[in-house]
Amino acid sequence: MKAKLKLVLWIAIALLAIVGMQGLSSNYSLSDMRAVVDAYYWYILPAYTLVIFLRGVLFIPTMPLILLMASSIDPLLMFLLTLVASCSSAYLVCLAIDYMDMQKRLEALPSKSVQRAQRWVRSFGVAAIAGWAFFPLVFTELIVYLARLAGLPRRQIVMAVGLGEGLLISGLIVVVSWFTSVAQ
């Protein structure tokens, strides 16, 4: 019963986040959202950091939020907040996997693709995680799950996520700054 309640709660939070982000992006323009960030700056920064931190265990899609923040706050502050929260999220995922004993649950799955992905992570290690974290169209947390289940140490996982996410965040800041300067 406890496991079902956790699952239902997780699904509810994830759906709420997805619907909320979709509603925000379809009902408000970028300039409207930037004005809200400017008006409630000191409230939004901790909330943003918390969402990025929790995205790993909730699988919340955060790219629209990251792009909004990249266009709204100081680039260095945005980089640091996002990188620290992303690395902390990866560590939280590692702890969740260790605490919830996911290895036993994974072994119960007959999926050859999961085993193949784990072998790939074991073979390429940090480079696989960093490359995956840099690619913006997939959840970084998925590779963190696979890497931890494959037995990679937390330190290596967090370091690789920091490398990949750091490059991705830097690239996003540059692209958003360029688009913002062109639009004005």
C-alpha atoms as a PDB file:
ATOM      1  CA  MET A   1       0.000   0.000   0.000  1.00  0.00           C
ATOM      2  CA  LYS A   2       2.798   2.420   0.870  1.00  0.00           C
ATOM      3  CA  ALA A   3       4.510   1.829  -2.486  1.00  0.00           C
ATOM      4  CA  LYS A   4       1.260   2.495  -4.378  1.00  0.00           C
ATOM      5  CA  LEU A   5       0.741   5.733  -2.481  1.00  0.00           C
ATOM      6  CA  LYS A   6       4.283   6.867  -3.354  1.00  0.00           C
ATOM      7  CA  LEU A   7       3.684   6.029  -7.006  1.00  0.00           C
ATOM      8  CA  VAL A   8       0.373   7.892  -7.117  1.00  0.00           C
ATOM      9  CA  LEU A   9       1.925  10.903  -5.390  1.00  0.00           C
ATOM     10  CA  TRP A  10       4.885  10.893  -7.799  1.00  0.00           C
ATOM     11  CA  ILE A  11       2.585  10.684 -10.844  1.00  0.00           C
ATOM     12  CA  ALA A  12       0.396  13.496  -9.499  1.00  0.00           C
ATOM     13  CA  ILE A  13       3.369  15.807  -8.902  1.00  0.00           C
ATOM     14  CA  ALA A  14       4.907  15.032 -12.295  1.00  0.00           C
ATOM     15  CA  LEU A  15       1.601  15.611 -14.113  1.00  0.00           C
ATOM     16  CA  LEU A  16       1.011  18.843 -12.208  1.00  0.00           C
ATOM     17  CA  ALA A  17       4.456  20.095 -13.224  1.00  0.00           C
ATOM     18  CA  ILE A  18       3.956  19.170 -16.885  1.00  0.00           C
ATOM     19  CA  VAL A  19       0.470  20.690 -17.087  1.00  0.00           C
ATOM     20  CA  GLY A  20       1.634  23.779 -15.204  1.00  0.00           C
ATOM     21  CA  MET A  21       4.563  24.401 -17.535  1.00  0.00           C
ATOM     22  CA  GLN A  22       2.386  23.824 -20.587  1.00  0.00           C
ATOM     23  CA  GLY A  23      -0.220  26.222 -19.231  1.00  0.00           C
ATOM     24  CA  LEU A  24       2.347  28.897 -18.485  1.00  0.00           C
ATOM     25  CA  SER A  25       3.996  28.696 -21.882  1.00  0.00           C
ATOM     26  CA  SER A  26       0.709  28.754 -23.786  1.00  0.00           C
ATOM     27  CA  ASN A  27      -0.974  31.551 -21.785  1.00  0.00           C
ATOM     28  CA  TYR A  28       1.888  34.003 -21.228  1.00  0.00           C
ATOM     29  CA  SER A  29       4.487  35.548 -23.475  1.00  0.00           C
ATOM     30  CA  LEU A  30       8.190  35.477 -22.712  1.00  0.00           C
ATOM     31  CA  SER A  31       8.146  39.160 -21.791  1.00  0.00           C
ATOM     32  CA  ASP A  32       5.254  38.546 -19.360  1.00  0.00           C
ATOM     33  CA  MET A  33       7.168  35.725 -17.678  1.00  0.00           C
ATOM     34  CA  ARG A  34      10.369  37.788 -17.540  1.00  0.00           C
ATOM     35  CA  ALA A  35       8.436  40.611 -15.866  1.00  0.00           C
ATOM     36  CA  VAL A  36       7.224  38.169 -13.203  1.00  0.00           C
ATOM     37  CA  VAL A  37      10.780  36.955 -12.629  1.00  0.00           C
ATOM     38  CA  ASP A  38      11.946  40.552 -12.237  1.00  0.00           C
ATOM     39  CA  ALA A  39       9.097  41.425  -9.869  1.00  0.00           C
ATOM     40  CA  TYR A  40       9.491  38.364  -7.630  1.00  0.00           C
ATOM     41  CA  TYR A  41      13.212  37.787  -8.107  1.00  0.00           C
ATOM     42  CA  TRP A  42      14.097  36.719  -4.549  1.00  0.00           C
ATOM     43  CA  TYR A  43      11.151  34.319  -4.346  1.00  0.00           C
ATOM     44  CA  ILE A  44      11.675  32.795  -7.763  1.00  0.00           C
ATOM     45  CA  LEU A  45      15.402  32.049  -7.382  1.00  0.00           C
ATOM     46  CA  PRO A  46      14.954  29.549  -4.502  1.00  0.00           C
ATOM     47  CA  ALA A  47      11.870  28.056  -6.170  1.00  0.00           C
ATOM     48  CA  TYR A  48      13.810  27.626  -9.424  1.00  0.00           C
ATOM     49  CA  THR A  49      16.712  26.004  -7.602  1.00  0.00           C
ATOM     50  CA  LEU A  50      14.346  23.653  -5.780  1.00  0.00           C
ATOM     51  CA  VAL A  51      12.627  22.589  -9.017  1.00  0.00           C
ATOM     52  CA  ILE A  52      15.976  21.866 -10.696  1.00  0.00           C
ATOM     53  CA  PHE A  53      17.091  19.972  -7.582  1.00  0.00           C
ATOM     54  CA  LEU A  54      13.948  17.807  -7.484  1.00  0.00           C
ATOM     55  CA  ARG A  55      13.637  17.197 -11.215  1.00  0.00           C
ATOM     56  CA  GLY A  56      15.782  14.080 -10.981  1.00  0.00           C
ATOM     57  CA  VAL A  57      13.487  12.152  -8.701  1.00  0.00           C
ATOM     58  CA  LEU A  58      10.281  13.553 -10.197  1.00  0.00           C
ATOM     59  CA  PHE A  59      11.320  13.537 -13.887  1.00  0.00           C
ATOM     60  CA  ILE A  60      10.078  17.095 -14.301  1.00  0.00           C
ATOM     61  CA  PRO A  61      10.879  18.552 -17.744  1.00  0.00           C
ATOM     62  CA  THR A  62      12.748  21.763 -16.929  1.00  0.00           C
ATOM     63  CA  MET A  63      14.165  22.991 -20.245  1.00  0.00           C
ATOM     64  CA  PRO A  64      11.500  25.727 -20.692  1.00  0.00           C
ATOM     65  CA  LEU A  65      12.173  26.946 -17.156  1.00  0.00           C
ATOM     66  CA  ILE A  66      15.935  26.938 -17.706  1.00  0.00           C
ATOM     67  CA  LEU A  67      15.536  28.930 -20.932  1.00  0.00           C
ATOM     68  CA  LEU A  68      13.273  31.445 -19.177  1.00  0.00           C
ATOM     69  CA  MET A  69      15.771  31.917 -16.368  1.00  0.00           C
ATOM     70  CA  ALA A  70      18.645  32.214 -18.851  1.00  0.00           C
ATOM     71  CA  SER A  71      16.821  35.147 -20.439  1.00  0.00           C
ATOM     72  CA  SER A  72      15.840  36.743 -17.129  1.00  0.00           C
ATOM     73  CA  ILE A  73      18.706  36.677 -14.634  1.00  0.00           C
ATOM     74  CA  ASP A  74      22.435  37.323 -14.602  1.00  0.00           C
ATOM     75  CA  PRO A  75      24.165  34.651 -16.722  1.00  0.00           C
ATOM     76  CA  LEU A  76      26.789  33.751 -14.108  1.00  0.00           C
ATOM     77  CA  LEU A  77      24.180  33.423 -11.346  1.00  0.00           C
ATOM     78  CA  MET A  78      21.977  31.334 -13.629  1.00  0.00           C
ATOM     79  CA  PHE A  79      24.902  29.097 -14.540  1.00  0.00           C
ATOM     80  CA  LEU A  80      25.936  28.549 -10.918  1.00  0.00           C
ATOM     81  CA  LEU A  81      22.407  27.942  -9.601  1.00  0.00           C
ATOM     82  CA  THR A  82      21.535  25.536 -12.388  1.00  0.00           C
ATOM     83  CA  LEU A  83      24.819  23.641 -12.256  1.00  0.00           C
ATOM     84  CA  VAL A  84      24.803  23.215  -8.484  1.00  0.00           C
ATOM     85  CA  ALA A  85      21.135  22.186  -8.479  1.00  0.00           C
ATOM     86  CA  SER A  86      21.689  19.757 -11.390  1.00  0.00           C
ATOM     87  CA  CYS A  87      24.655  18.091  -9.698  1.00  0.00           C
ATOM     88  CA  SER A  88      22.724  17.948  -6.420  1.00  0.00           C
ATOM     89  CA  SER A  89      19.815  16.405  -8.285  1.00  0.00           C
ATOM     90  CA  ALA A  90      22.112  13.716  -9.700  1.00  0.00           C
ATOM     91  CA  TYR A  91      23.372  12.992  -6.185  1.00  0.00           C
ATOM     92  CA  LEU A  92      19.799  12.827  -4.905  1.00  0.00           C
ATOM     93  CA  VAL A  93      18.963  10.320  -7.649  1.00  0.00           C
ATOM     94  CA  CYS A  94      21.961   8.208  -6.606  1.00  0.00           C
ATOM     95  CA  LEU A  95      20.780   8.271  -3.005  1.00  0.00           C
ATOM     96  CA  ALA A  96      17.237   7.378  -4.040  1.00  0.00           C
ATOM     97  CA  ILE A  97      18.499   4.404  -6.015  1.00  0.00           C
ATOM     98  CA  ASP A  98      20.629   3.220  -3.122  1.00  0.00           C
ATOM     99  CA  TYR A  99      17.866   3.769  -0.562  1.00  0.00           C
ATOM    100  CA  MET A 100      15.060   2.229  -2.617  1.00  0.00           C
ATOM    101  CA  ASP A 101      17.190  -0.793  -3.602  1.00  0.00           C
ATOM    102  CA  MET A 102      16.376  -0.380  -7.275  1.00  0.00           C
ATOM    103  CA  GLN A 103      18.902  -3.025  -8.342  1.00  0.00           C
ATOM    104  CA  LYS A 104      16.555  -5.809  -7.191  1.00  0.00           C
ATOM    105  CA  ARG A 105      13.666  -4.218  -9.059  1.00  0.00           C
ATOM    106  CA  LEU A 106      15.766  -3.847 -12.204  1.00  0.00           C
ATOM    107  CA  GLU A 107      16.848  -7.468 -12.120  1.00  0.00           C
ATOM    108  CA  ALA A 108      13.177  -8.447 -12.164  1.00  0.00           C
ATOM    109  CA  LEU A 109      12.791  -6.766 -15.565  1.00  0.00           C
ATOM    110  CA  PRO A 110      13.461  -9.083 -18.504  1.00  0.00           C
ATOM    111  CA  SER A 111      14.497  -6.189 -20.719  1.00  0.00           C
ATOM    112  CA  LYS A 112      17.578  -6.764 -22.851  1.00  0.00           C
ATOM    113  CA  SER A 113      17.729  -3.055 -23.674  1.00  0.00           C
ATOM    114  CA  VAL A 114      18.252  -2.178 -19.992  1.00  0.00           C
ATOM    115  CA  GLN A 115      21.098  -4.670 -19.781  1.00  0.00           C
ATOM    116  CA  ARG A 116      22.581  -3.336 -23.016  1.00  0.00           C
ATOM    117  CA  ALA A 117      22.397   0.236 -21.712  1.00  0.00           C
ATOM    118  CA  GLN A 118      24.086  -0.795 -18.472  1.00  0.00           C
ATOM    119  CA  ARG A 119      26.921  -2.474 -20.392  1.00  0.00           C
ATOM    120  CA  TRP A 120      27.295   0.705 -22.465  1.00  0.00           C
ATOM    121  CA  VAL A 121      27.521   2.815 -19.296  1.00  0.00           C
ATOM    122  CA  ARG A 122      30.047   0.431 -17.753  1.00  0.00           C
ATOM    123  CA  SER A 123      32.162   0.547 -20.931  1.00  0.00           C
ATOM    124  CA  PHE A 124      32.215   4.301 -21.451  1.00  0.00           C
ATOM    125  CA  GLY A 125      31.621   5.486 -17.859  1.00  0.00           C
ATOM    126  CA  VAL A 126      32.081   9.208 -17.284  1.00  0.00           C
ATOM    127  CA  ALA A 127      32.182  10.029 -21.001  1.00  0.00           C
ATOM    128  CA  ALA A 128      28.804   8.362 -21.565  1.00  0.00           C
ATOM    129  CA  ILE A 129      27.196  10.257 -18.700  1.00  0.00           C
ATOM    130  CA  ALA A 130      28.722  13.617 -19.673  1.00  0.00           C
ATOM    131  CA  GLY A 131      27.721  13.168 -23.311  1.00  0.00           C
ATOM    132  CA  TRP A 132      24.187  12.206 -22.369  1.00  0.00           C
ATOM    133  CA  ALA A 133      23.922  15.134 -19.928  1.00  0.00           C
ATOM    134  CA  PHE A 134      25.069  17.521 -22.665  1.00  0.00           C
ATOM    135  CA  PHE A 135      22.374  16.326 -25.091  1.00  0.00           C
ATOM    136  CA  PRO A 136      19.319  18.488 -24.269  1.00  0.00           C
ATOM    137  CA  LEU A 137      16.551  16.302 -25.672  1.00  0.00           C
ATOM    138  CA  VAL A 138      16.735  13.485 -23.131  1.00  0.00           C
ATOM    139  CA  PHE A 139      16.452  13.359 -19.356  1.00  0.00           C
ATOM    140  CA  THR A 140      19.883  13.447 -17.726  1.00  0.00           C
ATOM    141  CA  GLU A 141      18.402  11.593 -14.782  1.00  0.00           C
ATOM    142  CA  LEU A 142      17.823   8.513 -16.934  1.00  0.00           C
ATOM    143  CA  ILE A 143      21.551   8.040 -17.486  1.00  0.00           C
ATOM    144  CA  VAL A 144      22.158   8.746 -13.801  1.00  0.00           C
ATOM    145  CA  TYR A 145      19.754   5.928 -12.917  1.00  0.00           C
ATOM    146  CA  LEU A 146      21.431   3.562 -15.351  1.00  0.00           C
ATOM    147  CA  ALA A 147      24.939   4.537 -14.258  1.00  0.00           C
ATOM    148  CA  ARG A 148      24.186   4.050 -10.580  1.00  0.00           C
ATOM    149  CA  LEU A 149      22.451   0.751 -11.222  1.00  0.00           C
ATOM    150  CA  ALA A 150      25.478  -0.284 -13.279  1.00  0.00           C
ATOM    151  CA  GLY A 151      27.608   0.294 -10.194  1.00  0.00           C
ATOM    152  CA  LEU A 152      29.422   3.543 -11.036  1.00  0.00           C
ATOM    153  CA  PRO A 153      30.449   5.529  -7.942  1.00  0.00           C
ATOM    154  CA  ARG A 154      28.366   8.564  -7.005  1.00  0.00           C
ATOM    155  CA  ARG A 155      31.386  10.862  -7.274  1.00  0.00           C
ATOM    156  CA  GLN A 156      32.016   9.893 -10.904  1.00  0.00           C
ATOM    157  CA  ILE A 157      28.345  10.248 -11.783  1.00  0.00           C
ATOM    158  CA  VAL A 158      28.024  13.712 -10.243  1.00  0.00           C
ATOM    159  CA  MET A 159      31.304  14.840 -11.835  1.00  0.00           C
ATOM    160  CA  ALA A 160      30.173  13.634 -15.266  1.00  0.00           C
ATOM    161  CA  VAL A 161      26.770  15.291 -14.882  1.00  0.00           C
ATOM    162  CA  GLY A 162      28.531  18.508 -13.873  1.00  0.00           C
ATOM    163  CA  LEU A 163      30.724  18.374 -16.963  1.00  0.00           C
ATOM    164  CA  GLY A 164      27.898  17.623 -19.400  1.00  0.00           C
ATOM    165  CA  GLU A 165      25.343  19.931 -17.795  1.00  0.00           C
ATOM    166  CA  GLY A 166      27.937  22.682 -17.419  1.00  0.00           C
ATOM    167  CA  LEU A 167      28.615  22.631 -21.148  1.00  0.00           C
ATOM    168  CA  LEU A 168      24.892  22.481 -21.929  1.00  0.00           C
ATOM    169  CA  ILE A 169      24.013  25.348 -19.573  1.00  0.00           C
ATOM    170  CA  SER A 170      26.864  27.468 -20.972  1.00  0.00           C
ATOM    171  CA  GLY A 171      25.636  26.828 -24.498  1.00  0.00           C
ATOM    172  CA  LEU A 172      22.053  27.667 -23.560  1.00  0.00           C
ATOM    173  CA  ILE A 173      23.130  30.929 -21.932  1.00  0.00           C
ATOM    174  CA  VAL A 174      25.092  31.934 -25.032  1.00  0.00           C
ATOM    175  CA  VAL A 175      22.235  31.059 -27.403  1.00  0.00           C
ATOM    176  CA  VAL A 176      19.582  32.772 -25.270  1.00  0.00           C
ATOM    177  CA  SER A 177      21.767  35.885 -24.896  1.00  0.00           C
ATOM    178  CA  TRP A 178      22.272  35.985 -28.650  1.00  0.00           C
ATOM    179  CA  PHE A 179      18.542  35.597 -29.372  1.00  0.00           C
ATOM    180  CA  THR A 180      17.702  38.240 -26.757  1.00  0.00           C
ATOM    181  CA  SER A 181      20.146  40.719 -28.262  1.00  0.00           C
ATOM    182  CA  VAL A 182      18.854  40.061 -31.786  1.00  0.00           C
ATOM    183  CA  ALA A 183      15.214  40.444 -30.697  1.00  0.00           C
ATOM    184  CA  GLN A 184      15.832  43.861 -29.106  1.00  0.00           C
END
